[in-house]
Amino acid sequence: MSTGIIRANDELFVSLDIIWEREQVRSPDLWQTSGVGQQFQMTSIKSRVPRITDNIQTKPWHGGARLEQGIVHSDFEWESKLFEATCAIDRDEMRDINRFGDLIDKTASMGKSVSRFRNTNVFGFLETALTADEFVIDVLGDSHTFPTLAHDDVRLFGTHPNNNEQIPGNEYLNIDNGGGDPFWYLSDSESLAPVFVGQDRDFEFYEFENEFRSSNRRKWGHDGRFSFAAGDPRAIFASNQALTDAFFDAARTSMAEFKLEDGTPSNNEPDTLIVSGANERAGREVLRERQANGADNVFAGITRLVVVRYLSA
């Protein structure tokens, strides 16, 4: 542990640690189950310094799932950022049951923020990539910036070349932004995800030793180091057209035409429809078992609906 940080083993610390951890399991990992996000352990090109916010990490993408997807780009560099939160209480106030209750609530809130962290930022990255080249997270006055450009230097959503030579006309488009409705997404949850979460160091709960010794109070906190980057654009299709049978079918058709860099089919199988709350009813209508004319819906049972409240309406 770094100087000034301890992991006390007294009953209060243990109790708070249990509360902090308990709150983390109460938020579903939609970022993973939807197929939008995939986490990788980051490898550092220099020693980790937990309190420095500009440590550069490198993940070389040689072999494994990334090569199987046809992406041969290597030396994929991304930058980990520090995310943290703290709470404290004067030791004399710990005898006040109300103040002690506030401490419990604050600790629980910190745990909830950890449980929401990946959901909030993976879907935030996804939506930002619709229109901007950088995803910015503002935390306690600090801004952390992550590029939304994919391996081909094109924004996650856009016109992507099918090969490295970028032969004119040999490209694919994974977005239809010709409508005016809230965006919805069709994803292949078994493919390499469109958004990568880089974990340098997971969140950890700790106590500050210096506060205990010099300020007559106890202070706890958590922090972790993470990064976000664009993954495989072929794993997802975005549309702001009305979510109808026709546009849903068109999105599936578009994904079926995606190819790898060598021109061979990518064989993506869109199996998940991701919608915000505003499109929930439309999503259920599209995936209903019976169509309006009474015919069987061929997409029912093979495409699942995931409603994500973290997405904009």
C-alpha atoms as a PDB file:
ATOM      1  CA  MET A   1       0.000   0.000   0.000  1.00  0.00           C
ATOM      2  CA  SER A   2       1.077   3.593  -0.586  1.00  0.00           C
ATOM      3  CA  THR A   3       2.282   5.699   2.340  1.00  0.00           C
ATOM      4  CA  GLY A   4      -0.621   7.271   4.195  1.00  0.00           C
ATOM      5  CA  ILE A   5      -3.112   4.518   3.328  1.00  0.00           C
ATOM      6  CA  ILE A   6      -3.900   1.604   5.617  1.00  0.00           C
ATOM      7  CA  ARG A   7      -6.343  -1.265   5.563  1.00  0.00           C
ATOM      8  CA  ALA A   8      -7.443  -1.208   9.168  1.00  0.00           C
ATOM      9  CA  ASN A   9      -8.791  -4.447  10.541  1.00  0.00           C
ATOM     10  CA  ASP A  10     -11.004  -3.013  13.249  1.00  0.00           C
ATOM     11  CA  GLU A  11     -14.729  -3.731  13.381  1.00  0.00           C
ATOM     12  CA  LEU A  12     -15.752  -0.356  11.941  1.00  0.00           C
ATOM     13  CA  PHE A  13     -13.567  -0.715   8.859  1.00  0.00           C
ATOM     14  CA  VAL A  14     -14.723  -4.283   8.268  1.00  0.00           C
ATOM     15  CA  SER A  15     -18.376  -3.246   8.608  1.00  0.00           C
ATOM     16  CA  LEU A  16     -18.010  -0.354   6.178  1.00  0.00           C
ATOM     17  CA  ASP A  17     -16.116  -2.547   3.736  1.00  0.00           C
ATOM     18  CA  ILE A  18     -18.986  -5.077   3.796  1.00  0.00           C
ATOM     19  CA  ILE A  19     -21.551  -2.313   3.127  1.00  0.00           C
ATOM     20  CA  TRP A  20     -19.401  -0.931   0.290  1.00  0.00           C
ATOM     21  CA  GLU A  21     -19.074  -4.355  -1.347  1.00  0.00           C
ATOM     22  CA  ARG A  22     -22.739  -5.283  -0.835  1.00  0.00           C
ATOM     23  CA  GLU A  23     -24.003  -2.266  -2.756  1.00  0.00           C
ATOM     24  CA  GLN A  24     -21.895  -3.162  -5.792  1.00  0.00           C
ATOM     25  CA  VAL A  25     -23.835  -6.348  -6.572  1.00  0.00           C
ATOM     26  CA  ARG A  26     -27.204  -4.588  -6.699  1.00  0.00           C
ATOM     27  CA  SER A  27     -26.724  -3.034 -10.136  1.00  0.00           C
ATOM     28  CA  PRO A  28     -26.954  -5.404 -13.144  1.00  0.00           C
ATOM     29  CA  ASP A  29     -23.942  -5.455 -15.440  1.00  0.00           C
ATOM     30  CA  LEU A  30     -25.866  -4.319 -18.506  1.00  0.00           C
ATOM     31  CA  TRP A  31     -22.643  -3.144 -20.137  1.00  0.00           C
ATOM     32  CA  GLN A  32     -21.556  -6.801 -20.307  1.00  0.00           C
ATOM     33  CA  THR A  33     -24.810  -8.720 -20.766  1.00  0.00           C
ATOM     34  CA  SER A  34     -25.825  -6.464 -23.673  1.00  0.00           C
ATOM     35  CA  GLY A  35     -22.585  -7.243 -25.481  1.00  0.00           C
ATOM     36  CA  VAL A  36     -21.670  -3.539 -25.640  1.00  0.00           C
ATOM     37  CA  GLY A  37     -18.673  -3.665 -23.310  1.00  0.00           C
ATOM     38  CA  GLN A  38     -15.797  -6.055 -22.729  1.00  0.00           C
ATOM     39  CA  GLN A  39     -13.129  -5.692 -20.056  1.00  0.00           C
ATOM     40  CA  PHE A  40      -9.411  -6.339 -20.420  1.00  0.00           C
ATOM     41  CA  GLN A  41      -6.643  -6.213 -17.864  1.00  0.00           C
ATOM     42  CA  MET A  42      -4.272  -3.448 -18.908  1.00  0.00           C
ATOM     43  CA  THR A  43      -0.520  -4.057 -19.023  1.00  0.00           C
ATOM     44  CA  SER A  44       1.730  -1.161 -18.107  1.00  0.00           C
ATOM     45  CA  ILE A  45       4.799   0.030 -20.013  1.00  0.00           C
ATOM     46  CA  LYS A  46       6.142   1.552 -16.777  1.00  0.00           C
ATOM     47  CA  SER A  47       5.639   1.199 -13.051  1.00  0.00           C
ATOM     48  CA  ARG A  48       2.201   1.982 -11.726  1.00  0.00           C
ATOM     49  CA  VAL A  49       1.878   5.157  -9.706  1.00  0.00           C
ATOM     50  CA  PRO A  50      -1.628   5.036  -8.157  1.00  0.00           C
ATOM     51  CA  ARG A  51      -1.927   8.769  -7.511  1.00  0.00           C
ATOM     52  CA  ILE A  52      -0.705   9.979 -10.932  1.00  0.00           C
ATOM     53  CA  THR A  53      -3.447  10.522 -13.510  1.00  0.00           C
ATOM     54  CA  ASP A  54      -1.435  10.412 -16.747  1.00  0.00           C
ATOM     55  CA  ASN A  55       0.146   6.956 -16.632  1.00  0.00           C
ATOM     56  CA  ILE A  56       0.210   5.513 -20.176  1.00  0.00           C
ATOM     57  CA  GLN A  57      -0.733   1.871 -20.650  1.00  0.00           C
ATOM     58  CA  THR A  58      -0.270  -0.310 -23.718  1.00  0.00           C
ATOM     59  CA  LYS A  59      -2.262  -3.371 -24.762  1.00  0.00           C
ATOM     60  CA  PRO A  60      -0.712  -5.143 -27.775  1.00  0.00           C
ATOM     61  CA  TRP A  61      -3.485  -6.829 -29.730  1.00  0.00           C
ATOM     62  CA  HIS A  62      -1.651  -9.833 -31.215  1.00  0.00           C
ATOM     63  CA  GLY A  63      -3.575 -13.097 -31.475  1.00  0.00           C
ATOM     64  CA  GLY A  64      -6.641 -14.051 -29.490  1.00  0.00           C
ATOM     65  CA  ALA A  65     -10.161 -12.889 -30.205  1.00  0.00           C
ATOM     66  CA  ARG A  66      -9.060  -9.631 -31.799  1.00  0.00           C
ATOM     67  CA  LEU A  67      -7.131 -11.405 -34.570  1.00  0.00           C
ATOM     68  CA  GLU A  68     -10.014 -13.809 -35.106  1.00  0.00           C
ATOM     69  CA  GLN A  69     -12.220 -10.797 -35.776  1.00  0.00           C
ATOM     70  CA  GLY A  70      -9.869  -9.750 -38.554  1.00  0.00           C
ATOM     71  CA  ILE A  71      -8.438  -6.703 -36.815  1.00  0.00           C
ATOM     72  CA  VAL A  72      -4.666  -6.848 -37.122  1.00  0.00           C
ATOM     73  CA  HIS A  73      -3.884  -3.427 -35.672  1.00  0.00           C
ATOM     74  CA  SER A  74      -1.255  -3.709 -32.924  1.00  0.00           C
ATOM     75  CA  ASP A  75       0.335  -1.441 -30.291  1.00  0.00           C
ATOM     76  CA  PHE A  76      -3.100  -0.202 -29.312  1.00  0.00           C
ATOM     77  CA  GLU A  77      -2.318   2.459 -26.717  1.00  0.00           C
ATOM     78  CA  TRP A  78      -4.727   3.806 -24.190  1.00  0.00           C
ATOM     79  CA  GLU A  79      -4.402   5.869 -21.067  1.00  0.00           C
ATOM     80  CA  SER A  80      -5.668   4.859 -17.644  1.00  0.00           C
ATOM     81  CA  LYS A  81      -7.265   7.478 -15.398  1.00  0.00           C
ATOM     82  CA  LEU A  82      -7.794   7.586 -11.657  1.00  0.00           C
ATOM     83  CA  PHE A  83     -11.364   7.543 -10.328  1.00  0.00           C
ATOM     84  CA  GLU A  84     -11.878   8.003  -6.592  1.00  0.00           C
ATOM     85  CA  ALA A  85     -14.258   9.067  -3.817  1.00  0.00           C
ATOM     86  CA  THR A  86     -13.943   9.626  -0.058  1.00  0.00           C
ATOM     87  CA  CYS A  87     -15.994  10.094   3.102  1.00  0.00           C
ATOM     88  CA  ALA A  88     -14.930  11.076   6.635  1.00  0.00           C
ATOM     89  CA  ILE A  89     -16.242  11.631  10.153  1.00  0.00           C
ATOM     90  CA  ASP A  90     -14.840  13.336  13.258  1.00  0.00           C
ATOM     91  CA  ARG A  91     -14.129  10.726  15.919  1.00  0.00           C
ATOM     92  CA  ASP A  92     -16.011  12.765  18.540  1.00  0.00           C
ATOM     93  CA  GLU A  93     -19.114  12.709  16.339  1.00  0.00           C
ATOM     94  CA  MET A  94     -19.106   8.947  16.034  1.00  0.00           C
ATOM     95  CA  ARG A  95     -21.072   8.761  19.279  1.00  0.00           C
ATOM     96  CA  ASP A  96     -23.940  10.608  17.577  1.00  0.00           C
ATOM     97  CA  ILE A  97     -26.198   7.918  16.115  1.00  0.00           C
ATOM     98  CA  ASN A  98     -27.428  10.323  13.410  1.00  0.00           C
ATOM     99  CA  ARG A  99     -23.921  11.178  12.240  1.00  0.00           C
ATOM    100  CA  PHE A 100     -22.987   7.523  12.331  1.00  0.00           C
ATOM    101  CA  GLY A 101     -26.026   6.796  10.169  1.00  0.00           C
ATOM    102  CA  ASP A 102     -24.821   9.417   7.695  1.00  0.00           C
ATOM    103  CA  LEU A 103     -21.496   7.595   7.498  1.00  0.00           C
ATOM    104  CA  ILE A 104     -23.275   4.331   6.669  1.00  0.00           C
ATOM    105  CA  ASP A 105     -25.324   6.079   3.959  1.00  0.00           C
ATOM    106  CA  LYS A 106     -22.250   7.713   2.426  1.00  0.00           C
ATOM    107  CA  THR A 107     -20.388   4.403   2.353  1.00  0.00           C
ATOM    108  CA  ALA A 108     -23.370   2.722   0.689  1.00  0.00           C
ATOM    109  CA  SER A 109     -23.501   5.551  -1.852  1.00  0.00           C
ATOM    110  CA  MET A 110     -19.832   5.014  -2.668  1.00  0.00           C
ATOM    111  CA  GLY A 111     -20.506   1.328  -3.248  1.00  0.00           C
ATOM    112  CA  LYS A 112     -23.406   2.151  -5.553  1.00  0.00           C
ATOM    113  CA  SER A 113     -21.203   4.513  -7.549  1.00  0.00           C
ATOM    114  CA  VAL A 114     -18.796   1.640  -8.173  1.00  0.00           C
ATOM    115  CA  SER A 115     -21.644  -0.616  -9.322  1.00  0.00           C
ATOM    116  CA  ARG A 116     -22.813   2.067 -11.760  1.00  0.00           C
ATOM    117  CA  PHE A 117     -19.352   3.080 -12.951  1.00  0.00           C
ATOM    118  CA  ARG A 118     -18.972   0.718 -15.906  1.00  0.00           C
ATOM    119  CA  ASN A 119     -22.642   0.952 -16.929  1.00  0.00           C
ATOM    120  CA  THR A 120     -22.612   4.754 -16.921  1.00  0.00           C
ATOM    121  CA  ASN A 121     -19.356   5.124 -18.813  1.00  0.00           C
ATOM    122  CA  VAL A 122     -19.656   2.261 -21.308  1.00  0.00           C
ATOM    123  CA  PHE A 123     -23.056   3.499 -22.490  1.00  0.00           C
ATOM    124  CA  GLY A 124     -21.846   7.089 -22.227  1.00  0.00           C
ATOM    125  CA  PHE A 125     -18.918   6.209 -24.488  1.00  0.00           C
ATOM    126  CA  LEU A 126     -21.301   4.482 -26.902  1.00  0.00           C
ATOM    127  CA  GLU A 127     -23.590   7.502 -27.219  1.00  0.00           C
ATOM    128  CA  THR A 128     -20.713   9.963 -27.464  1.00  0.00           C
ATOM    129  CA  ALA A 129     -19.238   7.944 -30.339  1.00  0.00           C
ATOM    130  CA  LEU A 130     -22.343   8.737 -32.383  1.00  0.00           C
ATOM    131  CA  THR A 131     -21.258  12.348 -32.863  1.00  0.00           C
ATOM    132  CA  ALA A 132     -17.891  13.102 -31.218  1.00  0.00           C
ATOM    133  CA  ASP A 133     -14.271  11.960 -31.443  1.00  0.00           C
ATOM    134  CA  GLU A 134     -13.687  12.135 -27.681  1.00  0.00           C
ATOM    135  CA  PHE A 135     -15.547  10.857 -24.637  1.00  0.00           C
ATOM    136  CA  VAL A 136     -15.063  13.099 -21.592  1.00  0.00           C
ATOM    137  CA  ILE A 137     -15.718  12.110 -17.982  1.00  0.00           C
ATOM    138  CA  ASP A 138     -15.813  14.951 -15.448  1.00  0.00           C
ATOM    139  CA  VAL A 139     -14.984  13.836 -11.913  1.00  0.00           C
ATOM    140  CA  LEU A 140     -14.605  16.281  -9.040  1.00  0.00           C
ATOM    141  CA  GLY A 141     -13.472  19.052 -11.351  1.00  0.00           C
ATOM    142  CA  ASP A 142     -11.067  16.860 -13.327  1.00  0.00           C
ATOM    143  CA  SER A 143     -11.788  15.963 -16.952  1.00  0.00           C
ATOM    144  CA  HIS A 144     -10.693  12.573 -18.283  1.00  0.00           C
ATOM    145  CA  THR A 145     -10.696  12.245 -22.085  1.00  0.00           C
ATOM    146  CA  PHE A 146     -10.843   9.028 -24.126  1.00  0.00           C
ATOM    147  CA  PRO A 147     -10.812   8.893 -27.970  1.00  0.00           C
ATOM    148  CA  THR A 148     -13.819   7.216 -29.615  1.00  0.00           C
ATOM    149  CA  LEU A 149     -11.849   6.343 -32.771  1.00  0.00           C
ATOM    150  CA  ALA A 150     -11.740   2.682 -33.725  1.00  0.00           C
ATOM    151  CA  HIS A 151      -8.740   0.709 -35.029  1.00  0.00           C
ATOM    152  CA  ASP A 152      -9.091   2.272 -38.495  1.00  0.00           C
ATOM    153  CA  ASP A 153      -9.004   5.860 -37.132  1.00  0.00           C
ATOM    154  CA  VAL A 154     -12.729   6.216 -37.850  1.00  0.00           C
ATOM    155  CA  ARG A 155     -15.180   6.994 -35.081  1.00  0.00           C
ATOM    156  CA  LEU A 156     -16.854   3.851 -33.682  1.00  0.00           C
ATOM    157  CA  PHE A 157     -19.996   4.750 -35.660  1.00  0.00           C
ATOM    158  CA  GLY A 158     -19.376   5.767 -39.254  1.00  0.00           C
ATOM    159  CA  THR A 159     -18.148   4.527 -42.627  1.00  0.00           C
ATOM    160  CA  HIS A 160     -15.394   1.988 -42.063  1.00  0.00           C
ATOM    161  CA  PRO A 161     -13.008   0.563 -44.667  1.00  0.00           C
ATOM    162  CA  ASN A 162     -13.210  -3.195 -45.156  1.00  0.00           C
ATOM    163  CA  ASN A 163      -9.460  -3.426 -45.564  1.00  0.00           C
ATOM    164  CA  ASN A 164      -6.334  -1.507 -44.716  1.00  0.00           C
ATOM    165  CA  GLU A 165      -5.911  -0.200 -48.280  1.00  0.00           C
ATOM    166  CA  GLN A 166      -9.321   1.494 -48.059  1.00  0.00           C
ATOM    167  CA  ILE A 167     -10.314   0.591 -51.616  1.00  0.00           C
ATOM    168  CA  PRO A 168     -13.012   3.065 -52.767  1.00  0.00           C
ATOM    169  CA  GLY A 169     -16.454   1.564 -52.405  1.00  0.00           C
ATOM    170  CA  ASN A 170     -15.173  -1.315 -50.273  1.00  0.00           C
ATOM    171  CA  GLU A 171     -16.475  -0.154 -46.905  1.00  0.00           C
ATOM    172  CA  TYR A 172     -19.331  -0.666 -44.489  1.00  0.00           C
ATOM    173  CA  LEU A 173     -21.574   1.724 -42.559  1.00  0.00           C
ATOM    174  CA  ASN A 174     -22.742   0.780 -39.053  1.00  0.00           C
ATOM    175  CA  ILE A 175     -25.100   3.700 -38.427  1.00  0.00           C
ATOM    176  CA  ASP A 176     -28.343   5.030 -39.881  1.00  0.00           C
ATOM    177  CA  ASN A 177     -28.791   8.563 -38.565  1.00  0.00           C
ATOM    178  CA  GLY A 178     -31.382   9.661 -41.103  1.00  0.00           C
ATOM    179  CA  GLY A 179     -34.262   9.656 -38.644  1.00  0.00           C
ATOM    180  CA  GLY A 180     -35.254  11.733 -35.656  1.00  0.00           C
ATOM    181  CA  ASP A 181     -36.123   9.129 -33.017  1.00  0.00           C
ATOM    182  CA  PRO A 182     -33.983   8.104 -30.023  1.00  0.00           C
ATOM    183  CA  PHE A 183     -31.121   5.860 -31.073  1.00  0.00           C
ATOM    184  CA  TRP A 184     -31.467   2.097 -30.717  1.00  0.00           C
ATOM    185  CA  TYR A 185     -28.760  -0.490 -31.266  1.00  0.00           C
ATOM    186  CA  LEU A 186     -28.472  -3.979 -32.661  1.00  0.00           C
ATOM    187  CA  SER A 187     -25.489  -5.925 -31.343  1.00  0.00           C
ATOM    188  CA  ASP A 188     -23.753  -9.264 -31.643  1.00  0.00           C
ATOM    189  CA  SER A 189     -23.149 -10.147 -28.000  1.00  0.00           C
ATOM    190  CA  GLU A 190     -20.922 -13.109 -28.904  1.00  0.00           C
ATOM    191  CA  SER A 191     -18.496 -10.998 -30.917  1.00  0.00           C
ATOM    192  CA  LEU A 192     -15.665  -8.808 -29.736  1.00  0.00           C
ATOM    193  CA  ALA A 193     -17.439  -5.874 -28.078  1.00  0.00           C
ATOM    194  CA  PRO A 194     -17.704  -2.385 -29.594  1.00  0.00           C
ATOM    195  CA  VAL A 195     -16.498  -0.739 -26.371  1.00  0.00           C
ATOM    196  CA  PHE A 196     -13.413  -1.855 -24.457  1.00  0.00           C
ATOM    197  CA  VAL A 197     -13.009  -1.268 -20.721  1.00  0.00           C
ATOM    198  CA  GLY A 198      -9.372  -1.254 -19.685  1.00  0.00           C
ATOM    199  CA  GLN A 199      -8.857  -2.119 -16.037  1.00  0.00           C
ATOM    200  CA  ASP A 200      -5.471  -1.208 -14.692  1.00  0.00           C
ATOM    201  CA  ARG A 201      -6.542  -1.576 -11.072  1.00  0.00           C
ATOM    202  CA  ASP A 202     -10.030  -2.372  -9.808  1.00  0.00           C
ATOM    203  CA  PHE A 203     -11.719  -0.268  -7.140  1.00  0.00           C
ATOM    204  CA  GLU A 204     -10.504  -0.894  -3.611  1.00  0.00           C
ATOM    205  CA  PHE A 205     -11.810   0.346  -0.248  1.00  0.00           C
ATOM    206  CA  TYR A 206      -9.240   1.714   2.199  1.00  0.00           C
ATOM    207  CA  GLU A 207      -8.679   4.054   5.151  1.00  0.00           C
ATOM    208  CA  PHE A 208      -6.365   7.080   5.313  1.00  0.00           C
ATOM    209  CA  GLU A 209      -3.785   6.694   8.057  1.00  0.00           C
ATOM    210  CA  ASN A 210      -2.702  10.346   8.168  1.00  0.00           C
ATOM    211  CA  GLU A 211      -6.242  11.569   8.846  1.00  0.00           C
ATOM    212  CA  PHE A 212      -6.495   9.239  11.815  1.00  0.00           C
ATOM    213  CA  ARG A 213      -3.238  10.471  13.306  1.00  0.00           C
ATOM    214  CA  SER A 214      -3.351  14.224  12.675  1.00  0.00           C
ATOM    215  CA  SER A 215      -6.963  15.358  12.300  1.00  0.00           C
ATOM    216  CA  ASN A 216      -8.863  13.501  15.013  1.00  0.00           C
ATOM    217  CA  ARG A 217     -11.102  11.984  12.370  1.00  0.00           C
ATOM    218  CA  ARG A 218     -11.373   8.848  10.317  1.00  0.00           C
ATOM    219  CA  LYS A 219     -11.495   8.985   6.539  1.00  0.00           C
ATOM    220  CA  TRP A 220     -12.222   6.231   4.023  1.00  0.00           C
ATOM    221  CA  GLY A 221     -12.092   6.128   0.273  1.00  0.00           C
ATOM    222  CA  HIS A 222     -11.965   4.015  -2.834  1.00  0.00           C
ATOM    223  CA  ASP A 223     -10.166   4.384  -6.113  1.00  0.00           C
ATOM    224  CA  GLY A 224      -9.386   2.488  -9.271  1.00  0.00           C
ATOM    225  CA  ARG A 225      -7.680   3.082 -12.610  1.00  0.00           C
ATOM    226  CA  PHE A 226      -9.573   2.535 -15.864  1.00  0.00           C
ATOM    227  CA  SER A 227      -9.634   3.426 -19.524  1.00  0.00           C
ATOM    228  CA  PHE A 228     -12.203   3.241 -22.327  1.00  0.00           C
ATOM    229  CA  ALA A 229     -11.635   2.676 -26.029  1.00  0.00           C
ATOM    230  CA  ALA A 230     -13.486   1.744 -29.207  1.00  0.00           C
ATOM    231  CA  GLY A 231     -13.535  -1.967 -29.982  1.00  0.00           C
ATOM    232  CA  ASP A 232     -14.963  -3.677 -33.054  1.00  0.00           C
ATOM    233  CA  PRO A 233     -17.410  -1.509 -35.073  1.00  0.00           C
ATOM    234  CA  ARG A 234     -18.771  -4.637 -36.753  1.00  0.00           C
ATOM    235  CA  ALA A 235     -20.322  -5.810 -33.491  1.00  0.00           C
ATOM    236  CA  ILE A 236     -22.997  -3.111 -33.436  1.00  0.00           C
ATOM    237  CA  PHE A 237     -25.369  -1.072 -35.589  1.00  0.00           C
ATOM    238  CA  ALA A 238     -26.977   2.198 -34.451  1.00  0.00           C
ATOM    239  CA  SER A 239     -30.155   3.766 -35.828  1.00  0.00           C
ATOM    240  CA  ASN A 240     -32.349   6.736 -34.992  1.00  0.00           C
ATOM    241  CA  GLN A 241     -35.016   5.686 -37.441  1.00  0.00           C
ATOM    242  CA  ALA A 242     -38.379   4.690 -35.989  1.00  0.00           C
ATOM    243  CA  LEU A 243     -38.042   1.259 -34.400  1.00  0.00           C
ATOM    244  CA  THR A 244     -40.324  -0.644 -36.781  1.00  0.00           C
ATOM    245  CA  ASP A 245     -40.201  -4.079 -38.384  1.00  0.00           C
ATOM    246  CA  ALA A 246     -38.864  -2.585 -41.615  1.00  0.00           C
ATOM    247  CA  PHE A 247     -35.993  -0.600 -40.078  1.00  0.00           C
ATOM    248  CA  PHE A 248     -35.136  -3.438 -37.693  1.00  0.00           C
ATOM    249  CA  ASP A 249     -34.903  -5.800 -40.664  1.00  0.00           C
ATOM    250  CA  ALA A 250     -32.785  -3.232 -42.540  1.00  0.00           C
ATOM    251  CA  ALA A 251     -30.335  -3.023 -39.637  1.00  0.00           C
ATOM    252  CA  ARG A 252     -29.941  -6.805 -39.576  1.00  0.00           C
ATOM    253  CA  THR A 253     -29.387  -6.818 -43.341  1.00  0.00           C
ATOM    254  CA  SER A 254     -26.691  -4.147 -43.012  1.00  0.00           C
ATOM    255  CA  MET A 255     -24.827  -6.147 -40.351  1.00  0.00           C
ATOM    256  CA  ALA A 256     -24.976  -9.253 -42.547  1.00  0.00           C
ATOM    257  CA  GLU A 257     -22.990  -7.357 -45.182  1.00  0.00           C
ATOM    258  CA  PHE A 258     -20.098  -6.431 -42.862  1.00  0.00           C
ATOM    259  CA  LYS A 259     -16.739  -7.863 -43.908  1.00  0.00           C
ATOM    260  CA  LEU A 260     -13.277  -8.362 -42.455  1.00  0.00           C
ATOM    261  CA  GLU A 261     -10.186  -6.554 -43.687  1.00  0.00           C
ATOM    262  CA  ASP A 262      -9.501  -9.282 -46.234  1.00  0.00           C
ATOM    263  CA  GLY A 263     -12.972  -8.904 -47.750  1.00  0.00           C
ATOM    264  CA  THR A 264     -14.438 -12.110 -46.323  1.00  0.00           C
ATOM    265  CA  PRO A 265     -17.771 -11.966 -44.419  1.00  0.00           C
ATOM    266  CA  SER A 266     -17.474 -11.144 -40.721  1.00  0.00           C
ATOM    267  CA  ASN A 267     -20.414 -13.480 -40.000  1.00  0.00           C
ATOM    268  CA  ASN A 268     -21.802 -11.287 -37.241  1.00  0.00           C
ATOM    269  CA  GLU A 269     -25.041 -12.631 -35.756  1.00  0.00           C
ATOM    270  CA  PRO A 270     -27.034  -9.758 -34.238  1.00  0.00           C
ATOM    271  CA  ASP A 271     -28.807 -11.240 -31.236  1.00  0.00           C
ATOM    272  CA  THR A 272     -29.541  -8.259 -28.973  1.00  0.00           C
ATOM    273  CA  LEU A 273     -31.737  -5.190 -29.433  1.00  0.00           C
ATOM    274  CA  ILE A 274     -30.643  -2.411 -27.065  1.00  0.00           C
ATOM    275  CA  VAL A 275     -33.051   0.438 -26.382  1.00  0.00           C
ATOM    276  CA  SER A 276     -33.535   3.327 -23.987  1.00  0.00           C
ATOM    277  CA  GLY A 277     -36.706   3.567 -21.932  1.00  0.00           C
ATOM    278  CA  ALA A 278     -38.278   5.732 -24.624  1.00  0.00           C
ATOM    279  CA  ASN A 279     -38.083   2.850 -27.122  1.00  0.00           C
ATOM    280  CA  GLU A 280     -39.049   0.016 -24.809  1.00  0.00           C
ATOM    281  CA  ARG A 281     -42.596  -0.355 -26.123  1.00  0.00           C
ATOM    282  CA  ALA A 282     -41.429  -0.215 -29.745  1.00  0.00           C
ATOM    283  CA  GLY A 283     -38.758  -2.799 -28.998  1.00  0.00           C
ATOM    284  CA  ARG A 284     -41.268  -5.191 -27.495  1.00  0.00           C
ATOM    285  CA  GLU A 285     -43.562  -4.707 -30.480  1.00  0.00           C
ATOM    286  CA  VAL A 286     -40.779  -5.518 -32.953  1.00  0.00           C
ATOM    287  CA  LEU A 287     -39.895  -8.715 -31.066  1.00  0.00           C
ATOM    288  CA  ARG A 288     -43.445  -9.863 -30.337  1.00  0.00           C
ATOM    289  CA  GLU A 289     -44.256 -13.490 -31.180  1.00  0.00           C
ATOM    290  CA  ARG A 290     -47.046 -12.588 -33.597  1.00  0.00           C
ATOM    291  CA  GLN A 291     -47.064  -9.831 -36.176  1.00  0.00           C
ATOM    292  CA  ALA A 292     -50.027  -7.515 -36.651  1.00  0.00           C
ATOM    293  CA  ASN A 293     -51.372  -9.719 -39.476  1.00  0.00           C
ATOM    294  CA  GLY A 294     -51.215 -12.817 -37.277  1.00  0.00           C
ATOM    295  CA  ALA A 295     -48.125 -14.301 -38.919  1.00  0.00           C
ATOM    296  CA  ASP A 296     -45.236 -15.645 -36.860  1.00  0.00           C
ATOM    297  CA  ASN A 297     -42.438 -13.180 -36.150  1.00  0.00           C
ATOM    298  CA  VAL A 298     -39.230 -14.801 -37.423  1.00  0.00           C
ATOM    299  CA  PHE A 299     -37.119 -12.663 -35.082  1.00  0.00           C
ATOM    300  CA  ALA A 300     -38.996 -13.638 -31.907  1.00  0.00           C
ATOM    301  CA  GLY A 301     -36.924 -15.938 -29.751  1.00  0.00           C
ATOM    302  CA  ILE A 302     -33.626 -15.291 -31.548  1.00  0.00           C
ATOM    303  CA  THR A 303     -33.249 -11.623 -30.587  1.00  0.00           C
ATOM    304  CA  ARG A 304     -33.452 -10.482 -26.991  1.00  0.00           C
ATOM    305  CA  LEU A 305     -34.436  -7.036 -25.778  1.00  0.00           C
ATOM    306  CA  VAL A 306     -32.234  -5.143 -23.324  1.00  0.00           C
ATOM    307  CA  VAL A 307     -33.678  -1.916 -21.907  1.00  0.00           C
ATOM    308  CA  VAL A 308     -30.889   0.389 -20.704  1.00  0.00           C
ATOM    309  CA  ARG A 309     -31.868   3.301 -18.479  1.00  0.00           C
ATOM    310  CA  TYR A 310     -28.362   4.694 -18.796  1.00  0.00           C
ATOM    311  CA  LEU A 311     -29.070   5.625 -22.409  1.00  0.00           C
ATOM    312  CA  SER A 312     -30.564   9.009 -23.284  1.00  0.00           C
ATOM    313  CA  ALA A 313     -34.283   9.106 -24.049  1.00  0.00           C
END
